[in-house]
Amino acid sequence: ESLSKALNIDEFLSTKQFHTGTNMGRADRAAVFHGHGGAEEDQKTLIKQFFREIDKQLTPFLNDREVPLVLAGVEYLHPIYHEINNHNGLVQDGVNGNPDQFSIDELHSRAWQAVSGVFDKEFEQAVINVVNSNGNISTELDDLIKAAYQGKIETLFVSLNEQNRGFFDENSFEVKTAENGNSIDLLDLVSVKTMLNGGNVFATHRNNIPGGHQALGLLRY
């Protein structure tokens, strides 16, 4: 929740002198501690210890995947976090400034600027993989749904702003298309099942999908 709680600063303060430019009761705000290395070095050491605690919890939470991680914070903190980071997906650019001053929409917009290039590269590589797949692909929605449940799909492309409604019986492995109040979007279904089984999903406009298909899957086997 804060630097002071993570590092038990309350106990630490009882043995150290410190000063801060803000409220004396908030030791996690710009607290400077006097030590042999000088105030600035002492502060950086505490911040690194705090960031190590964050990294220790965050990396297992992300399951060591290379999902993009974007830092949001005042500029001088970014290089400190980069020093201790162990997550492969940390992007070089982050959101500079106090994130508490941004609305959710502003934070999303700024974060997307930092991460959109990563997704563009992943999409381009996924298209190349399809082109070089030697035919190990499927464009039939029925087959794709079954393959998604079996964990066979490595990469899935689905068309944005389109639906293909129907039902899937997990017992009989039968797909039926139907337009009624109880039907579900089968494109959503195949996307979710692909992701749950460790596949990558790209939702994009149909003209960006190789061959212009509504759905296309690159199969693992």
C-alpha atoms as a PDB file:
ATOM      1  CA  GLU A   1       0.000   0.000   0.000  1.00  0.00           C
ATOM      2  CA  SER A   2       2.891   2.368   0.711  1.00  0.00           C
ATOM      3  CA  LEU A   3       6.631   2.498   1.213  1.00  0.00           C
ATOM      4  CA  SER A   4       6.276   2.982   4.955  1.00  0.00           C
ATOM      5  CA  LYS A   5       4.103  -0.115   5.416  1.00  0.00           C
ATOM      6  CA  ALA A   6       6.166  -2.293   3.086  1.00  0.00           C
ATOM      7  CA  LEU A   7       9.448  -1.476   4.839  1.00  0.00           C
ATOM      8  CA  ASN A   8       8.102  -1.066   8.393  1.00  0.00           C
ATOM      9  CA  ILE A   9       9.232   2.552   8.351  1.00  0.00           C
ATOM     10  CA  ASP A  10       7.460   3.362  11.632  1.00  0.00           C
ATOM     11  CA  GLU A  11       9.929   1.121  13.454  1.00  0.00           C
ATOM     12  CA  PHE A  12      12.775   2.456  11.322  1.00  0.00           C
ATOM     13  CA  LEU A  13      11.970   6.080  12.216  1.00  0.00           C
ATOM     14  CA  SER A  14      12.378   5.437  15.916  1.00  0.00           C
ATOM     15  CA  THR A  15      16.130   4.958  15.356  1.00  0.00           C
ATOM     16  CA  LYS A  16      16.811   7.425  12.504  1.00  0.00           C
ATOM     17  CA  GLN A  17      16.627  11.161  12.003  1.00  0.00           C
ATOM     18  CA  PHE A  18      14.698  12.327   8.998  1.00  0.00           C
ATOM     19  CA  HIS A  19      13.067  15.307   7.400  1.00  0.00           C
ATOM     20  CA  THR A  20      10.466  15.614   4.694  1.00  0.00           C
ATOM     21  CA  GLY A  21       9.135  18.387   2.533  1.00  0.00           C
ATOM     22  CA  THR A  22       5.541  17.362   3.207  1.00  0.00           C
ATOM     23  CA  ASN A  23       3.399  16.290   6.130  1.00  0.00           C
ATOM     24  CA  MET A  24       5.610  14.836   8.884  1.00  0.00           C
ATOM     25  CA  GLY A  25       3.049  12.093   9.393  1.00  0.00           C
ATOM     26  CA  ARG A  26       3.512  10.762   5.864  1.00  0.00           C
ATOM     27  CA  ALA A  27       6.939   9.162   5.902  1.00  0.00           C
ATOM     28  CA  ASP A  28       6.286   7.627   2.495  1.00  0.00           C
ATOM     29  CA  ARG A  29       6.228  11.063   0.858  1.00  0.00           C
ATOM     30  CA  ALA A  30       9.667  12.315  -0.092  1.00  0.00           C
ATOM     31  CA  ALA A  31      11.193  11.279   3.232  1.00  0.00           C
ATOM     32  CA  VAL A  32      14.947  11.852   3.379  1.00  0.00           C
ATOM     33  CA  PHE A  33      17.010   9.840   5.825  1.00  0.00           C
ATOM     34  CA  HIS A  34      20.430  10.812   7.115  1.00  0.00           C
ATOM     35  CA  GLY A  35      23.098   8.148   6.734  1.00  0.00           C
ATOM     36  CA  HIS A  36      26.652   7.623   5.615  1.00  0.00           C
ATOM     37  CA  GLY A  37      25.821   7.829   1.909  1.00  0.00           C
ATOM     38  CA  GLY A  38      24.077  11.200   2.055  1.00  0.00           C
ATOM     39  CA  ALA A  39      20.370  12.058   2.116  1.00  0.00           C
ATOM     40  CA  GLU A  40      19.718  11.550  -1.610  1.00  0.00           C
ATOM     41  CA  GLU A  41      21.453   8.161  -1.680  1.00  0.00           C
ATOM     42  CA  ASP A  42      19.570   7.049   1.432  1.00  0.00           C
ATOM     43  CA  GLN A  43      16.269   7.994  -0.157  1.00  0.00           C
ATOM     44  CA  LYS A  44      17.107   6.111  -3.355  1.00  0.00           C
ATOM     45  CA  THR A  45      18.060   3.030  -1.320  1.00  0.00           C
ATOM     46  CA  LEU A  46      14.668   3.032   0.406  1.00  0.00           C
ATOM     47  CA  ILE A  47      12.837   3.462  -2.887  1.00  0.00           C
ATOM     48  CA  LYS A  48      14.756   0.536  -4.415  1.00  0.00           C
ATOM     49  CA  GLN A  49      13.882  -1.638  -1.428  1.00  0.00           C
ATOM     50  CA  PHE A  50      10.230  -0.686  -1.848  1.00  0.00           C
ATOM     51  CA  PHE A  51      10.329  -1.423  -5.583  1.00  0.00           C
ATOM     52  CA  ARG A  52      11.913  -4.818  -4.906  1.00  0.00           C
ATOM     53  CA  GLU A  53       8.913  -5.646  -2.718  1.00  0.00           C
ATOM     54  CA  ILE A  54       6.568  -4.616  -5.547  1.00  0.00           C
ATOM     55  CA  ASP A  55       8.544  -6.607  -8.113  1.00  0.00           C
ATOM     56  CA  LYS A  56       8.564  -9.661  -5.837  1.00  0.00           C
ATOM     57  CA  GLN A  57       4.753  -9.660  -5.741  1.00  0.00           C
ATOM     58  CA  LEU A  58       4.103  -8.475  -9.295  1.00  0.00           C
ATOM     59  CA  THR A  59       6.297 -10.900 -11.242  1.00  0.00           C
ATOM     60  CA  PRO A  60       4.591 -14.098  -9.946  1.00  0.00           C
ATOM     61  CA  PHE A  61       1.190 -12.427 -10.396  1.00  0.00           C
ATOM     62  CA  LEU A  62       1.959 -11.959 -14.092  1.00  0.00           C
ATOM     63  CA  ASN A  63       3.102 -15.599 -14.284  1.00  0.00           C
ATOM     64  CA  ASP A  64       6.396 -14.504 -15.853  1.00  0.00           C
ATOM     65  CA  ARG A  65       4.622 -13.847 -19.158  1.00  0.00           C
ATOM     66  CA  GLU A  66       5.877 -11.122 -21.462  1.00  0.00           C
ATOM     67  CA  VAL A  67       2.696  -9.085 -21.160  1.00  0.00           C
ATOM     68  CA  PRO A  68       3.459  -5.361 -21.420  1.00  0.00           C
ATOM     69  CA  LEU A  69       3.995  -3.589 -18.106  1.00  0.00           C
ATOM     70  CA  VAL A  70       3.799   0.216 -18.080  1.00  0.00           C
ATOM     71  CA  LEU A  71       5.084   2.313 -15.193  1.00  0.00           C
ATOM     72  CA  ALA A  72       3.149   5.408 -14.131  1.00  0.00           C
ATOM     73  CA  GLY A  73       4.931   7.807 -11.795  1.00  0.00           C
ATOM     74  CA  VAL A  74       7.128  10.857 -11.509  1.00  0.00           C
ATOM     75  CA  GLU A  75      10.002  10.701 -13.966  1.00  0.00           C
ATOM     76  CA  TYR A  76      12.924  10.138 -11.595  1.00  0.00           C
ATOM     77  CA  LEU A  77      11.333   6.915 -10.271  1.00  0.00           C
ATOM     78  CA  HIS A  78      11.255   5.145 -13.646  1.00  0.00           C
ATOM     79  CA  PRO A  79      14.991   4.376 -14.009  1.00  0.00           C
ATOM     80  CA  ILE A  80      15.109   3.171 -10.393  1.00  0.00           C
ATOM     81  CA  TYR A  81      12.363   0.636 -11.067  1.00  0.00           C
ATOM     82  CA  HIS A  82      14.037  -0.459 -14.306  1.00  0.00           C
ATOM     83  CA  GLU A  83      17.160  -1.325 -12.280  1.00  0.00           C
ATOM     84  CA  ILE A  84      15.357  -3.877 -10.099  1.00  0.00           C
ATOM     85  CA  ASN A  85      12.676  -5.145 -12.516  1.00  0.00           C
ATOM     86  CA  ASN A  86      12.458  -8.872 -13.297  1.00  0.00           C
ATOM     87  CA  HIS A  87       9.436  -8.850 -15.622  1.00  0.00           C
ATOM     88  CA  ASN A  88      10.294  -9.407 -19.277  1.00  0.00           C
ATOM     89  CA  GLY A  89       7.426  -7.276 -20.535  1.00  0.00           C
ATOM     90  CA  LEU A  90       8.395  -3.958 -18.921  1.00  0.00           C
ATOM     91  CA  VAL A  91       8.262  -1.333 -21.692  1.00  0.00           C
ATOM     92  CA  GLN A  92      10.939   1.319 -21.913  1.00  0.00           C
ATOM     93  CA  ASP A  93       8.544   4.250 -22.104  1.00  0.00           C
ATOM     94  CA  GLY A  94       6.153   4.939 -19.258  1.00  0.00           C
ATOM     95  CA  VAL A  95       3.648   7.519 -18.039  1.00  0.00           C
ATOM     96  CA  ASN A  96       5.473  10.457 -16.464  1.00  0.00           C
ATOM     97  CA  GLY A  97       3.782  12.455 -13.725  1.00  0.00           C
ATOM     98  CA  ASN A  98       1.786  11.827 -10.578  1.00  0.00           C
ATOM     99  CA  PRO A  99      -0.850   9.247 -11.641  1.00  0.00           C
ATOM    100  CA  ASP A 100      -3.184  10.467  -8.881  1.00  0.00           C
ATOM    101  CA  GLN A 101      -3.643  13.630 -10.941  1.00  0.00           C
ATOM    102  CA  PHE A 102      -4.864  11.739 -14.036  1.00  0.00           C
ATOM    103  CA  SER A 103      -8.370  10.511 -14.690  1.00  0.00           C
ATOM    104  CA  ILE A 104      -8.794   6.863 -15.672  1.00  0.00           C
ATOM    105  CA  ASP A 105      -9.271   7.911 -19.308  1.00  0.00           C
ATOM    106  CA  GLU A 106      -6.132  10.079 -19.248  1.00  0.00           C
ATOM    107  CA  LEU A 107      -4.100   7.287 -17.669  1.00  0.00           C
ATOM    108  CA  HIS A 108      -5.350   4.808 -20.281  1.00  0.00           C
ATOM    109  CA  SER A 109      -4.550   7.177 -23.144  1.00  0.00           C
ATOM    110  CA  ARG A 110      -1.025   7.869 -21.882  1.00  0.00           C
ATOM    111  CA  ALA A 111      -0.360   4.189 -21.179  1.00  0.00           C
ATOM    112  CA  TRP A 112      -1.607   3.200 -24.631  1.00  0.00           C
ATOM    113  CA  GLN A 113       0.877   5.585 -26.245  1.00  0.00           C
ATOM    114  CA  ALA A 114       3.654   3.723 -24.422  1.00  0.00           C
ATOM    115  CA  VAL A 115       2.438   0.212 -25.207  1.00  0.00           C
ATOM    116  CA  SER A 116       0.752   0.399 -28.613  1.00  0.00           C
ATOM    117  CA  GLY A 117       4.042  -0.089 -30.454  1.00  0.00           C
ATOM    118  CA  VAL A 118       4.574  -3.381 -28.599  1.00  0.00           C
ATOM    119  CA  PHE A 119       1.209  -4.693 -29.781  1.00  0.00           C
ATOM    120  CA  ASP A 120       1.873  -3.535 -33.338  1.00  0.00           C
ATOM    121  CA  LYS A 121       5.079  -5.576 -33.439  1.00  0.00           C
ATOM    122  CA  GLU A 122       3.335  -8.629 -31.957  1.00  0.00           C
ATOM    123  CA  PHE A 123       0.556  -8.373 -34.552  1.00  0.00           C
ATOM    124  CA  GLU A 124       3.023  -8.070 -37.425  1.00  0.00           C
ATOM    125  CA  GLN A 125       4.949 -11.107 -36.187  1.00  0.00           C
ATOM    126  CA  ALA A 126       1.716 -13.098 -35.796  1.00  0.00           C
ATOM    127  CA  VAL A 127       0.790 -12.394 -39.427  1.00  0.00           C
ATOM    128  CA  ILE A 128       4.261 -13.518 -40.528  1.00  0.00           C
ATOM    129  CA  ASN A 129       3.823 -16.725 -38.525  1.00  0.00           C
ATOM    130  CA  VAL A 130       0.541 -17.426 -40.336  1.00  0.00           C
ATOM    131  CA  VAL A 131       2.106 -16.825 -43.746  1.00  0.00           C
ATOM    132  CA  ASN A 132       4.948 -19.215 -42.876  1.00  0.00           C
ATOM    133  CA  SER A 133       2.729 -21.824 -41.214  1.00  0.00           C
ATOM    134  CA  ASN A 134       2.694 -24.354 -44.087  1.00  0.00           C
ATOM    135  CA  GLY A 135      -1.081 -24.581 -43.925  1.00  0.00           C
ATOM    136  CA  ASN A 136      -1.418 -25.394 -40.214  1.00  0.00           C
ATOM    137  CA  ILE A 137      -4.345 -22.979 -39.914  1.00  0.00           C
ATOM    138  CA  SER A 138      -8.138 -23.101 -39.730  1.00  0.00           C
ATOM    139  CA  THR A 139     -10.789 -20.591 -40.744  1.00  0.00           C
ATOM    140  CA  GLU A 140     -13.911 -22.661 -39.959  1.00  0.00           C
ATOM    141  CA  LEU A 141     -15.564 -21.375 -36.789  1.00  0.00           C
ATOM    142  CA  ASP A 142     -16.854 -24.816 -35.800  1.00  0.00           C
ATOM    143  CA  ASP A 143     -13.365 -26.282 -35.967  1.00  0.00           C
ATOM    144  CA  LEU A 144     -11.817 -23.286 -34.230  1.00  0.00           C
ATOM    145  CA  ILE A 145     -14.166 -23.543 -31.245  1.00  0.00           C
ATOM    146  CA  LYS A 146     -13.363 -27.229 -30.795  1.00  0.00           C
ATOM    147  CA  ALA A 147      -9.633 -26.521 -31.180  1.00  0.00           C
ATOM    148  CA  ALA A 148      -9.850 -23.703 -28.608  1.00  0.00           C
ATOM    149  CA  TYR A 149     -11.421 -26.042 -26.035  1.00  0.00           C
ATOM    150  CA  GLN A 150      -8.652 -28.567 -26.695  1.00  0.00           C
ATOM    151  CA  GLY A 151      -5.910 -25.965 -26.306  1.00  0.00           C
ATOM    152  CA  LYS A 152      -4.744 -26.338 -29.904  1.00  0.00           C
ATOM    153  CA  ILE A 153      -4.834 -22.674 -30.947  1.00  0.00           C
ATOM    154  CA  GLU A 154      -1.554 -20.782 -30.682  1.00  0.00           C
ATOM    155  CA  THR A 155      -2.786 -17.543 -32.283  1.00  0.00           C
ATOM    156  CA  LEU A 156      -6.323 -16.449 -33.137  1.00  0.00           C
ATOM    157  CA  PHE A 157      -7.486 -13.540 -35.278  1.00  0.00           C
ATOM    158  CA  VAL A 158     -11.137 -12.462 -34.946  1.00  0.00           C
ATOM    159  CA  SER A 159     -13.008  -9.695 -36.733  1.00  0.00           C
ATOM    160  CA  LEU A 160     -14.016  -6.632 -34.754  1.00  0.00           C
ATOM    161  CA  ASN A 161     -17.590  -5.322 -34.853  1.00  0.00           C
ATOM    162  CA  GLU A 162     -18.960  -8.658 -36.075  1.00  0.00           C
ATOM    163  CA  GLN A 163     -20.943 -11.390 -34.348  1.00  0.00           C
ATOM    164  CA  ASN A 164     -21.702 -14.989 -35.156  1.00  0.00           C
ATOM    165  CA  ARG A 165     -24.359 -16.135 -32.720  1.00  0.00           C
ATOM    166  CA  GLY A 166     -25.220 -19.666 -31.735  1.00  0.00           C
ATOM    167  CA  PHE A 167     -24.608 -22.437 -29.195  1.00  0.00           C
ATOM    168  CA  PHE A 168     -21.853 -24.866 -28.311  1.00  0.00           C
ATOM    169  CA  ASP A 169     -22.582 -28.119 -26.496  1.00  0.00           C
ATOM    170  CA  GLU A 170     -19.483 -29.063 -24.493  1.00  0.00           C
ATOM    171  CA  ASN A 171     -20.726 -32.630 -24.061  1.00  0.00           C
ATOM    172  CA  SER A 172     -21.380 -33.442 -27.710  1.00  0.00           C
ATOM    173  CA  PHE A 173     -18.827 -30.920 -29.030  1.00  0.00           C
ATOM    174  CA  GLU A 174     -21.501 -29.680 -31.415  1.00  0.00           C
ATOM    175  CA  VAL A 175     -21.748 -26.116 -32.699  1.00  0.00           C
ATOM    176  CA  LYS A 176     -25.058 -24.649 -33.825  1.00  0.00           C
ATOM    177  CA  THR A 177     -25.649 -21.203 -35.247  1.00  0.00           C
ATOM    178  CA  ALA A 178     -28.870 -19.518 -34.158  1.00  0.00           C
ATOM    179  CA  GLU A 179     -30.281 -16.037 -33.702  1.00  0.00           C
ATOM    180  CA  ASN A 180     -32.374 -15.900 -30.544  1.00  0.00           C
ATOM    181  CA  GLY A 181     -32.290 -14.456 -27.062  1.00  0.00           C
ATOM    182  CA  ASN A 182     -30.455 -17.408 -25.549  1.00  0.00           C
ATOM    183  CA  SER A 183     -27.660 -17.578 -28.120  1.00  0.00           C
ATOM    184  CA  ILE A 184     -24.125 -16.354 -27.465  1.00  0.00           C
ATOM    185  CA  ASP A 185     -21.518 -14.740 -29.670  1.00  0.00           C
ATOM    186  CA  LEU A 186     -19.378 -17.639 -30.847  1.00  0.00           C
ATOM    187  CA  LEU A 187     -16.530 -15.270 -31.745  1.00  0.00           C
ATOM    188  CA  ASP A 188     -16.385 -14.204 -28.109  1.00  0.00           C
ATOM    189  CA  LEU A 189     -16.477 -17.834 -27.026  1.00  0.00           C
ATOM    190  CA  VAL A 190     -13.569 -18.947 -29.201  1.00  0.00           C
ATOM    191  CA  SER A 191     -11.564 -15.871 -28.134  1.00  0.00           C
ATOM    192  CA  VAL A 192     -12.039 -16.490 -24.414  1.00  0.00           C
ATOM    193  CA  LYS A 193     -11.272 -20.207 -24.648  1.00  0.00           C
ATOM    194  CA  THR A 194      -8.144 -19.508 -26.684  1.00  0.00           C
ATOM    195  CA  MET A 195      -6.842 -17.072 -24.074  1.00  0.00           C
ATOM    196  CA  LEU A 196      -7.720 -19.356 -21.154  1.00  0.00           C
ATOM    197  CA  ASN A 197      -5.634 -22.085 -22.788  1.00  0.00           C
ATOM    198  CA  GLY A 198      -2.610 -19.856 -23.282  1.00  0.00           C
ATOM    199  CA  GLY A 199      -3.208 -18.701 -26.859  1.00  0.00           C
ATOM    200  CA  ASN A 200      -2.845 -15.181 -28.237  1.00  0.00           C
ATOM    201  CA  VAL A 201      -5.898 -13.356 -29.581  1.00  0.00           C
ATOM    202  CA  PHE A 202      -5.914 -10.387 -31.958  1.00  0.00           C
ATOM    203  CA  ALA A 203      -9.234  -8.616 -32.487  1.00  0.00           C
ATOM    204  CA  THR A 204      -8.906  -6.459 -35.580  1.00  0.00           C
ATOM    205  CA  HIS A 205     -10.764  -5.327 -38.669  1.00  0.00           C
ATOM    206  CA  ARG A 206     -11.443  -8.116 -41.130  1.00  0.00           C
ATOM    207  CA  ASN A 207      -9.248  -6.582 -43.822  1.00  0.00           C
ATOM    208  CA  ASN A 208      -6.244  -6.907 -41.458  1.00  0.00           C
ATOM    209  CA  ILE A 209      -6.765 -10.659 -41.042  1.00  0.00           C
ATOM    210  CA  PRO A 210      -4.837 -12.772 -43.556  1.00  0.00           C
ATOM    211  CA  GLY A 211      -7.272 -13.793 -46.296  1.00  0.00           C
ATOM    212  CA  GLY A 212      -9.961 -11.438 -44.998  1.00  0.00           C
ATOM    213  CA  HIS A 213     -11.597 -14.157 -42.875  1.00  0.00           C
ATOM    214  CA  GLN A 214     -13.994 -13.527 -39.999  1.00  0.00           C
ATOM    215  CA  ALA A 215     -11.801 -15.765 -37.840  1.00  0.00           C
ATOM    216  CA  LEU A 216      -8.475 -17.498 -38.406  1.00  0.00           C
ATOM    217  CA  GLY A 217      -6.488 -19.692 -36.074  1.00  0.00           C
ATOM    218  CA  LEU A 218      -2.851 -20.777 -36.201  1.00  0.00           C
ATOM    219  CA  LEU A 219      -2.775 -24.235 -34.635  1.00  0.00           C
ATOM    220  CA  ARG A 220      -0.111 -25.666 -32.377  1.00  0.00           C
ATOM    221  CA  TYR A 221      -0.748 -29.162 -33.794  1.00  0.00           C
END
